[in-house]
Every structure is written in C-alpha cells, then in structure tokens.
Amino acid sequence: MLNATAAMLSAMPMSDGGDSGGFHSPTIEEFFPPQLVGEGTWWGPTRINLIMLLATLAIGAFFWAAFRKPKLVPSGLQNIGEMAVAAVYGQVIDEVMGKRGRRFAPLLVTMFFLILAMNVTGLVPLLHMPGTAVIGVPLVLAIVSYATFNYAGIKANGFGKYLHSNLVPPGVPPAMLVLVVPIEFVSTFLLRPFTLAVRLMANMMSGHILLVLFYSATSYFLLEATGILKIFGVASYAAGFAFTLFECLVIVLQAYIFTLLTAVYIDGALSAEH
C-alpha cells in the first residue's frame, strides 16, 4: 500500500503547467480528457476509455485463467476464482433471491466483478482513475439492470399483473390511488435506473477528487512550499493515505450495493405482491 500511494503521489499533477506555479486543485475537466485518436468524432477513445478496456480485459483474463482447466479439487487461481464467485452467490444471490436467483447468477456475478475491476483502477498507479467515475459504464449497467428486472417481472406475472403489483400497493384506499400510482410509477420505472447509475458514479468521482486533492496538496507542500508550510505535507499525506484505505472499502462496497440492489429489484419483480 505504501508503494502504491508513493507512486500515486509522484503521478499526481502539481500544477496546471503554467508559469504561475503554486497549488491547483482538481477540476471536473479530469473526467473529460481529450480524445487520443479521432479527435472531434463520436468514436474517438479517451484515456478513461482505455482504462475501462484495461479493467475489462484484466478481469476477463483472470476468470479465463482460473476456469480454463477446472479441476475437481481446485487450487491456485481456480481456488481464488471459486471463492470469489461463491462470495457473490452467498452474499447476494442466495441471500436475496434464494434458489430461483441462480438463473440470474451469470448477470449478477459479471456485474459485480466488472464494477469492482473498474473501481480498482482508481487506486492503480499511473491510472488513478476509476472507470466508473464517468456516467457511461454506470448508465449502461443500470439500463441492463432495469431491462432485466422488468423483463423478469413481466414474464413471471404477465404485463397487467406486473404493473398492478408495482403501481397499486396492497391496502391503499381507492381515493389515494390518484396520488400513489404516479409516485410508484416514478419511483419504480424512472428513478431506479437513474439512482443506480448516479450513486455509483458520484461515489467513485468524489473519491477520485479527494485522493487527487490530498496527494496534489502533498506534492505542493513538500516540493514547492517553503519553511514551516512543509509540515502540512506530512498531514496531507497522512490524510491521503487514510482515505486510500477507506477508498478500498468503498470500491468493494459500491460493487456490492449495485449488484445487491439489482438482485432486490429482480426478486421484487418476480413476486406478484410486494
């Protein structure tokens, strides 16, 4: 961890490259880097796109290596891979949905580890940018979640019964339905994908900004400031290191929450009454 934070410290921008010098705080422009090729086109990849691709290839390569030659008694990478998948089964799928959730396991397991891999890139030296800190990946995954739970609900209950069970809570007086039905519609069919995407993006974006702020301040205080101000470099580095440890928890927690909520939505859609 010390090596990772030291590498991150050396890679953090200290100024904007102008002649003014001094400390420059992180800005939202970091999340909209220039296109590496195809500038001005819709397809031109940016640095963040390459980080997303790298995270996807890395997690795909890990599971391919772990399960390409499965053995009855697992060892090495297969053992790690099986424990990782079993954790998602035990803590999400079986816990929320029971046996009927097993058919959604490929989606939920893939969703968890893809988010986890893209979150981890925020702490990788020379990358230090989560692939989930921009709206693209969270939005696509939220749409997949939205399409899955609605399809599952309609297939299990029929379109009419599915709508009724979501829009008309049991025991609500008929006179209140004029208020309750629009609220339930907005909550279930409009806000769910929005909140899924924004929750993930906002948490990873804010974490990145704070890490850059702490380590950029450390660079400024230690390398540019003079006199007693250098002492603040030690404090900012300690705060950055502590927040790095906290971000390790957030990385796993956000992947878990996104996957867990998807499982909850699917389970609720499969039920005729909820």
Protein backbone atom coordinates (compact mmCIF):
# COMPACT_ATOMS: atom_id res chain seq x y z
CA MET A 1 0.00 0.00 0.00
CA LEU A 2 2.88 2.37 0.78
CA ASN A 3 4.40 1.72 -2.65
CA ALA A 4 1.05 2.33 -4.34
CA THR A 5 0.46 5.62 -2.57
CA ALA A 6 4.02 6.74 -3.25
CA ALA A 7 3.58 6.00 -6.95
CA MET A 8 0.26 7.80 -6.93
CA LEU A 9 1.87 10.79 -5.24
CA SER A 10 4.54 11.02 -7.91
CA ALA A 11 1.95 10.81 -10.68
CA MET A 12 -0.47 13.40 -9.30
CA PRO A 13 -0.48 16.76 -11.09
CA MET A 14 1.07 19.53 -9.05
CA SER A 15 0.11 22.49 -11.18
CA ASP A 16 -1.57 23.33 -14.44
CA GLY A 17 1.69 23.59 -16.27
CA GLY A 18 1.62 27.36 -16.50
CA ASP A 19 4.20 29.84 -15.25
CA SER A 20 2.22 30.79 -12.13
CA GLY A 21 3.16 27.65 -10.18
CA GLY A 22 1.54 27.02 -6.84
CA PHE A 23 -1.19 24.61 -5.84
CA HIS A 24 -4.01 23.85 -8.28
CA SER A 25 -6.97 21.84 -7.05
CA PRO A 26 -8.51 19.06 -9.18
CA THR A 27 -11.27 20.07 -11.56
CA ILE A 28 -14.14 18.37 -13.38
CA GLU A 29 -12.06 18.54 -16.57
CA GLU A 30 -10.19 15.45 -15.40
CA PHE A 31 -13.30 13.42 -16.21
CA PHE A 32 -13.43 14.75 -19.78
CA PRO A 33 -9.91 14.15 -21.14
CA PRO A 34 -9.08 14.80 -24.80
CA GLN A 35 -9.51 12.04 -27.36
CA LEU A 36 -6.33 10.12 -28.04
CA VAL A 37 -7.26 9.49 -31.68
CA GLY A 38 -10.16 10.59 -33.86
CA GLU A 39 -10.45 14.00 -32.23
CA GLY A 40 -13.89 15.51 -32.79
CA THR A 41 -15.51 12.19 -33.70
CA TRP A 42 -18.05 10.19 -31.65
CA TRP A 43 -15.85 7.10 -31.56
CA GLY A 44 -12.50 8.60 -30.57
CA PRO A 45 -11.30 6.91 -27.32
CA THR A 46 -10.01 8.86 -24.35
CA ARG A 47 -7.64 7.84 -21.59
CA ILE A 48 -10.61 6.84 -19.45
CA ASN A 49 -11.95 4.61 -22.23
CA LEU A 50 -8.63 2.80 -22.33
CA ILE A 51 -8.76 2.34 -18.55
CA MET A 52 -12.24 0.82 -18.90
CA LEU A 53 -10.96 -1.54 -21.59
CA LEU A 54 -7.93 -2.49 -19.50
CA ALA A 55 -10.10 -3.26 -16.46
CA THR A 56 -12.47 -5.37 -18.58
CA LEU A 57 -9.63 -7.33 -20.15
CA ALA A 58 -7.92 -7.82 -16.78
CA ILE A 59 -10.96 -9.26 -15.02
CA GLY A 60 -11.82 -11.35 -18.08
CA ALA A 61 -8.28 -12.72 -18.24
CA PHE A 62 -8.35 -13.58 -14.55
CA PHE A 63 -11.51 -15.67 -14.77
CA TRP A 64 -10.40 -17.26 -18.04
CA ALA A 65 -7.14 -18.33 -16.41
CA ALA A 66 -8.96 -19.50 -13.28
CA PHE A 67 -11.54 -21.69 -15.05
CA ARG A 68 -10.00 -22.67 -18.38
CA LYS A 69 -8.95 -26.08 -16.98
CA PRO A 70 -11.17 -26.67 -13.94
CA LYS A 71 -10.20 -29.45 -11.56
CA LEU A 72 -12.35 -31.40 -9.14
CA VAL A 73 -10.11 -30.26 -6.27
CA PRO A 74 -9.37 -26.59 -7.01
CA SER A 75 -6.03 -24.95 -6.34
CA GLY A 76 -4.25 -21.75 -7.24
CA LEU A 77 -6.22 -19.33 -9.38
CA GLN A 78 -9.17 -21.71 -9.66
CA ASN A 79 -9.48 -21.75 -5.89
CA ILE A 80 -9.43 -17.94 -5.73
CA GLY A 81 -11.92 -17.69 -8.58
CA GLU A 82 -14.32 -20.15 -6.99
CA MET A 83 -14.16 -18.34 -3.66
CA ALA A 84 -14.83 -15.03 -5.39
CA VAL A 85 -17.86 -16.37 -7.26
CA ALA A 86 -19.10 -18.19 -4.15
CA ALA A 87 -18.99 -14.89 -2.23
CA VAL A 88 -21.41 -13.29 -4.71
CA TYR A 89 -23.66 -16.35 -4.56
CA GLY A 90 -23.68 -16.40 -0.78
CA GLN A 91 -23.89 -12.68 -0.02
CA VAL A 92 -26.15 -11.55 -2.87
CA ILE A 93 -27.92 -14.22 -4.92
CA ASP A 94 -28.84 -16.82 -2.29
CA GLU A 95 -29.31 -14.21 0.42
CA VAL A 96 -31.77 -12.11 -1.58
CA MET A 97 -33.39 -14.43 -4.10
CA GLY A 98 -32.83 -17.98 -2.91
CA LYS A 99 -32.66 -20.83 -5.41
CA ARG A 100 -34.73 -19.02 -8.03
CA GLY A 101 -31.98 -16.42 -8.31
CA ARG A 102 -29.46 -18.94 -9.63
CA ARG A 103 -30.59 -18.38 -13.21
CA PHE A 104 -29.57 -14.73 -12.89
CA ALA A 105 -26.15 -15.64 -11.49
CA PRO A 106 -24.19 -15.03 -14.75
CA LEU A 107 -25.53 -11.47 -14.91
CA LEU A 108 -25.04 -10.66 -11.23
CA VAL A 109 -21.58 -12.19 -10.94
CA THR A 110 -20.41 -10.42 -14.10
CA MET A 111 -21.91 -7.15 -12.92
CA PHE A 112 -20.18 -7.33 -9.53
CA PHE A 113 -16.70 -8.13 -10.81
CA LEU A 114 -16.86 -5.72 -13.74
CA ILE A 115 -17.77 -2.86 -11.41
CA LEU A 116 -15.12 -4.00 -8.93
CA ALA A 117 -12.41 -4.08 -11.60
CA MET A 118 -13.29 -0.62 -12.88
CA ASN A 119 -13.43 0.76 -9.35
CA VAL A 120 -9.98 -0.64 -8.54
CA THR A 121 -8.34 1.35 -11.35
CA GLY A 122 -8.82 4.45 -9.20
CA LEU A 123 -6.02 3.17 -6.93
CA VAL A 124 -3.70 1.71 -9.57
CA PRO A 125 -0.53 3.81 -10.01
CA LEU A 126 -0.31 5.66 -13.34
CA LEU A 127 -4.03 5.06 -13.90
CA HIS A 128 -5.62 6.51 -10.73
CA MET A 129 -8.98 6.97 -12.43
CA PRO A 130 -12.00 4.70 -11.78
CA GLY A 131 -13.69 3.59 -14.98
CA THR A 132 -16.99 4.05 -13.13
CA ALA A 133 -16.30 7.71 -12.29
CA VAL A 134 -17.92 8.82 -15.57
CA ILE A 135 -21.53 8.13 -16.45
CA GLY A 136 -21.03 5.71 -19.36
CA VAL A 137 -20.46 2.38 -17.59
CA PRO A 138 -22.82 3.03 -14.64
CA LEU A 139 -25.56 4.07 -17.06
CA VAL A 140 -25.16 1.00 -19.27
CA LEU A 141 -25.19 -1.31 -16.26
CA ALA A 142 -28.24 0.49 -14.83
CA ILE A 143 -30.08 0.03 -18.13
CA VAL A 144 -29.18 -3.67 -18.14
CA SER A 145 -30.47 -3.97 -14.57
CA TYR A 146 -33.66 -2.07 -15.48
CA ALA A 147 -34.33 -4.20 -18.56
CA THR A 148 -33.66 -7.43 -16.65
CA PHE A 149 -35.98 -6.87 -13.71
CA ASN A 150 -38.80 -5.55 -15.89
CA TYR A 151 -38.48 -8.45 -18.34
CA ALA A 152 -38.34 -10.98 -15.50
CA GLY A 153 -41.38 -9.45 -13.81
CA ILE A 154 -43.48 -9.32 -16.97
CA LYS A 155 -42.53 -12.87 -17.95
CA ALA A 156 -43.32 -14.26 -14.49
CA ASN A 157 -46.57 -12.40 -13.79
CA GLY A 158 -47.88 -11.05 -17.09
CA PHE A 159 -47.84 -7.40 -18.10
CA GLY A 160 -51.08 -6.36 -16.38
CA LYS A 161 -50.43 -8.11 -13.08
CA TYR A 162 -46.84 -6.84 -13.03
CA LEU A 163 -47.94 -3.23 -13.48
CA HIS A 164 -50.68 -3.59 -10.90
CA SER A 165 -48.38 -5.10 -8.28
CA ASN A 166 -45.89 -2.26 -8.75
CA LEU A 167 -48.29 0.66 -9.03
CA VAL A 168 -51.03 -0.31 -6.56
CA PRO A 169 -49.68 -1.20 -3.09
CA PRO A 170 -51.94 -3.52 -1.07
CA GLY A 171 -54.34 -1.83 1.34
CA VAL A 172 -54.25 1.65 -0.19
CA PRO A 173 -57.71 3.30 -0.22
CA PRO A 174 -59.04 3.83 -3.76
CA ALA A 175 -59.27 7.58 -3.21
CA MET A 176 -55.50 7.73 -2.63
CA LEU A 177 -54.58 5.92 -5.84
CA VAL A 178 -54.62 9.15 -7.84
CA LEU A 179 -51.57 10.19 -5.79
CA VAL A 180 -49.98 6.83 -5.09
CA VAL A 181 -49.93 5.44 -8.63
CA PRO A 182 -47.88 8.33 -10.17
CA ILE A 183 -45.47 8.23 -7.22
CA GLU A 184 -44.97 4.48 -7.55
CA PHE A 185 -44.54 4.79 -11.31
CA VAL A 186 -41.83 7.44 -11.00
CA SER A 187 -40.13 5.56 -8.16
CA THR A 188 -40.11 2.14 -9.86
CA PHE A 189 -39.82 2.87 -13.56
CA LEU A 190 -37.95 6.18 -13.72
CA LEU A 191 -35.84 6.71 -10.61
CA ARG A 192 -34.41 3.21 -10.18
CA PRO A 193 -32.04 3.25 -13.17
CA PHE A 194 -31.17 6.90 -12.51
CA THR A 195 -30.29 6.33 -8.86
CA LEU A 196 -28.34 3.16 -9.64
CA ALA A 197 -26.15 4.98 -12.17
CA VAL A 198 -25.70 8.22 -10.25
CA ARG A 199 -24.97 6.55 -6.91
CA LEU A 200 -22.09 4.55 -8.37
CA MET A 201 -20.69 7.39 -10.47
CA ALA A 202 -20.93 10.01 -7.72
CA ASN A 203 -19.20 7.87 -5.11
CA MET A 204 -16.31 6.97 -7.39
CA MET A 205 -15.99 10.51 -8.76
CA SER A 206 -15.90 12.09 -5.31
CA GLY A 207 -13.38 9.52 -4.10
CA HIS A 208 -11.07 10.28 -7.03
CA ILE A 209 -11.33 14.04 -6.49
CA LEU A 210 -10.45 13.71 -2.79
CA LEU A 211 -7.47 11.47 -3.50
CA VAL A 212 -6.14 13.88 -6.11
CA LEU A 213 -6.70 16.79 -3.72
CA PHE A 214 -4.78 15.16 -0.85
CA TYR A 215 -1.83 13.98 -2.93
CA SER A 216 -1.61 17.16 -5.02
CA ALA A 217 -1.52 19.16 -1.79
CA THR A 218 1.22 16.84 -0.52
CA SER A 219 3.27 17.44 -3.68
CA TYR A 220 2.86 21.20 -3.33
CA PHE A 221 3.72 21.36 0.37
CA LEU A 222 6.74 19.06 0.12
CA LEU A 223 8.17 20.20 -3.22
CA GLU A 224 7.14 23.83 -3.68
CA ALA A 225 6.24 25.30 -0.30
CA THR A 226 8.94 26.73 1.94
CA GLY A 227 9.57 26.91 5.63
CA ILE A 228 7.00 25.68 8.11
CA LEU A 229 4.46 25.01 5.35
CA LYS A 230 6.30 21.79 4.53
CA ILE A 231 4.91 20.32 7.75
CA PHE A 232 1.45 20.38 6.19
CA GLY A 233 2.74 17.98 3.54
CA VAL A 234 3.05 15.27 6.18
CA ALA A 235 -0.52 15.92 7.37
CA SER A 236 -1.95 15.91 3.85
CA TYR A 237 -0.09 12.70 3.00
CA ALA A 238 -1.39 11.03 6.18
CA ALA A 239 -4.93 12.13 5.31
CA GLY A 240 -4.50 10.87 1.75
CA PHE A 241 -3.17 7.52 2.95
CA ALA A 242 -6.07 7.14 5.39
CA PHE A 243 -8.56 8.00 2.67
CA THR A 244 -6.88 5.48 0.35
CA LEU A 245 -7.61 2.77 2.91
CA PHE A 246 -11.20 3.99 3.16
CA GLU A 247 -11.48 4.01 -0.63
CA CYS A 248 -10.52 0.32 -0.66
CA LEU A 249 -13.70 -0.32 1.32
CA VAL A 250 -15.77 1.95 -0.93
CA ILE A 251 -14.53 0.13 -4.04
CA VAL A 252 -15.93 -3.19 -2.82
CA LEU A 253 -19.00 -1.66 -1.19
CA GLN A 254 -20.18 0.15 -4.32
CA ALA A 255 -19.88 -3.01 -6.43
CA TYR A 256 -21.80 -4.91 -3.74
CA ILE A 257 -24.56 -2.28 -3.42
CA PHE A 258 -25.14 -2.05 -7.16
CA THR A 259 -25.34 -5.84 -7.52
CA LEU A 260 -27.43 -6.24 -4.38
CA LEU A 261 -29.99 -3.65 -5.50
CA THR A 262 -30.22 -5.31 -8.90
CA ALA A 263 -30.95 -8.63 -7.17
CA VAL A 264 -33.54 -6.96 -4.93
CA TYR A 265 -35.27 -5.38 -7.93
CA ILE A 266 -35.34 -8.69 -9.82
CA ASP A 267 -36.67 -10.53 -6.78
CA GLY A 268 -39.37 -7.93 -6.27
CA ALA A 269 -40.36 -8.08 -9.93
CA LEU A 270 -40.75 -11.86 -9.76
CA SER A 271 -43.16 -11.58 -6.84
CA ALA A 272 -46.80 -10.95 -7.55
CA GLU A 273 -47.22 -8.92 -4.35
CA HIS A 274 -44.55 -6.78 -2.67
